[in-house]
Amino acid sequence: MFWQAQLKAIEERKRRLAGECELQRTLIAVQAAEAARSLRWVDTARSVYLKARPWIWLGAPLAGLVLGRRLPRLARWTALAAPVIRGWRALTSLRRVPQSR
């Protein structure tokens, strides 16, 4: 009968789609495991941060004091270094220009 042939075609398509779904589920599981493996460092970094958080809160004022003393000196050096760096870049750019013969 005509409807039996149609029913067999539908059953065959259903089996094929079920196989494809199983294959896709397996591929997704493999990709999820790979993503979890590559993002494992996030958990490690978070746990280190959570363990160090009390010390960070205690160390922040100390770091502020140290940087407060050294920052003005560093600012002076950067003010002096900026013209030197510009001059160096100008000299090296002149050296790179091809010379005509």
C-alpha atoms as a PDB file:
ATOM      1  CA  MET A   1       0.000   0.000   0.000  1.00  0.00           C
ATOM      2  CA  PHE A   2       0.975   3.586  -0.604  1.00  0.00           C
ATOM      3  CA  TRP A   3       0.747   4.709   3.036  1.00  0.00           C
ATOM      4  CA  GLN A   4       3.019   1.834   4.177  1.00  0.00           C
ATOM      5  CA  ALA A   5       5.813   3.015   1.853  1.00  0.00           C
ATOM      6  CA  GLN A   6       5.354   6.522   3.155  1.00  0.00           C
ATOM      7  CA  LEU A   7       5.401   5.245   6.751  1.00  0.00           C
ATOM      8  CA  LYS A   8       8.647   3.325   6.113  1.00  0.00           C
ATOM      9  CA  ALA A   9      10.250   6.448   4.617  1.00  0.00           C
ATOM     10  CA  ILE A  10       9.199   8.456   7.656  1.00  0.00           C
ATOM     11  CA  GLU A  11      10.557   5.788  10.034  1.00  0.00           C
ATOM     12  CA  GLU A  12      13.856   5.708   8.148  1.00  0.00           C
ATOM     13  CA  ARG A  13      14.124   9.493   8.328  1.00  0.00           C
ATOM     14  CA  LYS A  14      13.309   9.371  12.047  1.00  0.00           C
ATOM     15  CA  ARG A  15      16.107   6.836  12.650  1.00  0.00           C
ATOM     16  CA  ARG A  16      18.547   8.930  10.636  1.00  0.00           C
ATOM     17  CA  LEU A  17      17.639  12.095  12.554  1.00  0.00           C
ATOM     18  CA  ALA A  18      17.958  10.278  15.888  1.00  0.00           C
ATOM     19  CA  GLY A  19      21.464   9.136  14.883  1.00  0.00           C
ATOM     20  CA  GLU A  20      22.429  12.666  13.861  1.00  0.00           C
ATOM     21  CA  CYS A  21      21.080  14.018  17.168  1.00  0.00           C
ATOM     22  CA  GLU A  22      23.163  11.517  19.108  1.00  0.00           C
ATOM     23  CA  LEU A  23      26.256  12.480  17.110  1.00  0.00           C
ATOM     24  CA  GLN A  24      25.617  16.190  17.754  1.00  0.00           C
ATOM     25  CA  ARG A  25      25.109  15.535  21.493  1.00  0.00           C
ATOM     26  CA  THR A  26      28.439  13.707  21.618  1.00  0.00           C
ATOM     27  CA  LEU A  27      30.206  16.535  19.763  1.00  0.00           C
ATOM     28  CA  ILE A  28      28.701  19.129  22.107  1.00  0.00           C
ATOM     29  CA  ALA A  29      29.791  17.116  25.150  1.00  0.00           C
ATOM     30  CA  VAL A  30      33.355  16.900  23.801  1.00  0.00           C
ATOM     31  CA  GLN A  31      33.447  20.639  23.059  1.00  0.00           C
ATOM     32  CA  ALA A  32      32.038  21.479  26.497  1.00  0.00           C
ATOM     33  CA  ALA A  33      34.704  19.334  28.158  1.00  0.00           C
ATOM     34  CA  GLU A  34      37.389  21.068  26.083  1.00  0.00           C
ATOM     35  CA  ALA A  35      36.047  24.511  27.038  1.00  0.00           C
ATOM     36  CA  ALA A  36      35.942  23.527  30.712  1.00  0.00           C
ATOM     37  CA  ARG A  37      39.516  22.251  30.490  1.00  0.00           C
ATOM     38  CA  SER A  38      40.765  25.456  28.868  1.00  0.00           C
ATOM     39  CA  LEU A  39      38.956  27.641  31.440  1.00  0.00           C
ATOM     40  CA  ARG A  40      40.192  25.733  34.481  1.00  0.00           C
ATOM     41  CA  TRP A  41      42.653  28.536  35.223  1.00  0.00           C
ATOM     42  CA  VAL A  42      39.722  30.860  35.994  1.00  0.00           C
ATOM     43  CA  ASP A  43      38.728  28.698  38.969  1.00  0.00           C
ATOM     44  CA  THR A  44      42.332  28.599  40.144  1.00  0.00           C
ATOM     45  CA  ALA A  45      42.719  32.379  39.842  1.00  0.00           C
ATOM     46  CA  ARG A  46      39.447  32.955  41.665  1.00  0.00           C
ATOM     47  CA  SER A  47      40.410  30.679  44.537  1.00  0.00           C
ATOM     48  CA  VAL A  48      43.810  32.392  44.838  1.00  0.00           C
ATOM     49  CA  TYR A  49      42.092  35.780  44.853  1.00  0.00           C
ATOM     50  CA  LEU A  50      39.623  34.687  47.516  1.00  0.00           C
ATOM     51  CA  LYS A  51      42.453  33.395  49.691  1.00  0.00           C
ATOM     52  CA  ALA A  52      44.519  36.568  49.197  1.00  0.00           C
ATOM     53  CA  ARG A  53      41.659  39.053  49.500  1.00  0.00           C
ATOM     54  CA  PRO A  54      42.175  39.835  53.208  1.00  0.00           C
ATOM     55  CA  TRP A  55      45.869  40.444  52.601  1.00  0.00           C
ATOM     56  CA  ILE A  56      45.094  42.647  49.616  1.00  0.00           C
ATOM     57  CA  TRP A  57      42.880  44.852  51.787  1.00  0.00           C
ATOM     58  CA  LEU A  58      45.654  45.102  54.348  1.00  0.00           C
ATOM     59  CA  GLY A  59      48.373  45.690  51.758  1.00  0.00           C
ATOM     60  CA  ALA A  60      46.580  48.396  49.784  1.00  0.00           C
ATOM     61  CA  PRO A  61      47.330  51.218  52.264  1.00  0.00           C
ATOM     62  CA  LEU A  62      50.950  50.112  52.487  1.00  0.00           C
ATOM     63  CA  ALA A  63      51.231  50.098  48.698  1.00  0.00           C
ATOM     64  CA  GLY A  64      49.710  53.580  48.678  1.00  0.00           C
ATOM     65  CA  LEU A  65      52.358  54.830  51.076  1.00  0.00           C
ATOM     66  CA  VAL A  66      55.195  53.300  49.071  1.00  0.00           C
ATOM     67  CA  LEU A  67      53.874  54.618  45.771  1.00  0.00           C
ATOM     68  CA  GLY A  68      53.157  57.997  47.354  1.00  0.00           C
ATOM     69  CA  ARG A  69      56.824  58.378  48.122  1.00  0.00           C
ATOM     70  CA  ARG A  70      58.119  57.039  44.827  1.00  0.00           C
ATOM     71  CA  LEU A  71      55.594  58.517  42.415  1.00  0.00           C
ATOM     72  CA  PRO A  72      56.906  62.110  42.519  1.00  0.00           C
ATOM     73  CA  ARG A  73      60.406  60.834  41.715  1.00  0.00           C
ATOM     74  CA  LEU A  74      59.027  58.712  38.908  1.00  0.00           C
ATOM     75  CA  ALA A  75      57.077  61.696  37.549  1.00  0.00           C
ATOM     76  CA  ARG A  76      60.284  63.744  37.428  1.00  0.00           C
ATOM     77  CA  TRP A  77      62.076  61.014  35.479  1.00  0.00           C
ATOM     78  CA  THR A  78      59.239  60.630  32.994  1.00  0.00           C
ATOM     79  CA  ALA A  79      59.247  64.392  32.389  1.00  0.00           C
ATOM     80  CA  LEU A  80      62.960  64.165  31.580  1.00  0.00           C
ATOM     81  CA  ALA A  81      62.673  60.960  29.606  1.00  0.00           C
ATOM     82  CA  ALA A  82      59.929  62.105  27.212  1.00  0.00           C
ATOM     83  CA  PRO A  83      62.130  64.538  25.181  1.00  0.00           C
ATOM     84  CA  VAL A  84      64.964  62.020  25.127  1.00  0.00           C
ATOM     85  CA  ILE A  85      62.659  59.328  23.756  1.00  0.00           C
ATOM     86  CA  ARG A  86      61.274  61.703  21.114  1.00  0.00           C
ATOM     87  CA  GLY A  87      64.806  62.609  20.039  1.00  0.00           C
ATOM     88  CA  TRP A  88      65.820  58.970  19.854  1.00  0.00           C
ATOM     89  CA  ARG A  89      62.795  58.134  17.697  1.00  0.00           C
ATOM     90  CA  ALA A  90      63.576  61.036  15.377  1.00  0.00           C
ATOM     91  CA  LEU A  91      67.183  59.882  14.971  1.00  0.00           C
ATOM     92  CA  THR A  92      66.236  56.277  14.314  1.00  0.00           C
ATOM     93  CA  SER A  93      63.576  57.301  11.789  1.00  0.00           C
ATOM     94  CA  LEU A  94      66.198  59.348   9.907  1.00  0.00           C
ATOM     95  CA  ARG A  95      68.491  56.356   9.820  1.00  0.00           C
ATOM     96  CA  ARG A  96      65.777  54.179   8.263  1.00  0.00           C
ATOM     97  CA  VAL A  97      65.165  56.509   5.314  1.00  0.00           C
ATOM     98  CA  PRO A  98      66.709  54.932   2.200  1.00  0.00           C
ATOM     99  CA  GLN A  99      69.491  57.054   0.773  1.00  0.00           C
ATOM    100  CA  SER A 100      69.323  57.965  -2.884  1.00  0.00           C
ATOM    101  CA  ARG A 101      72.554  57.517  -4.859  1.00  0.00           C
END
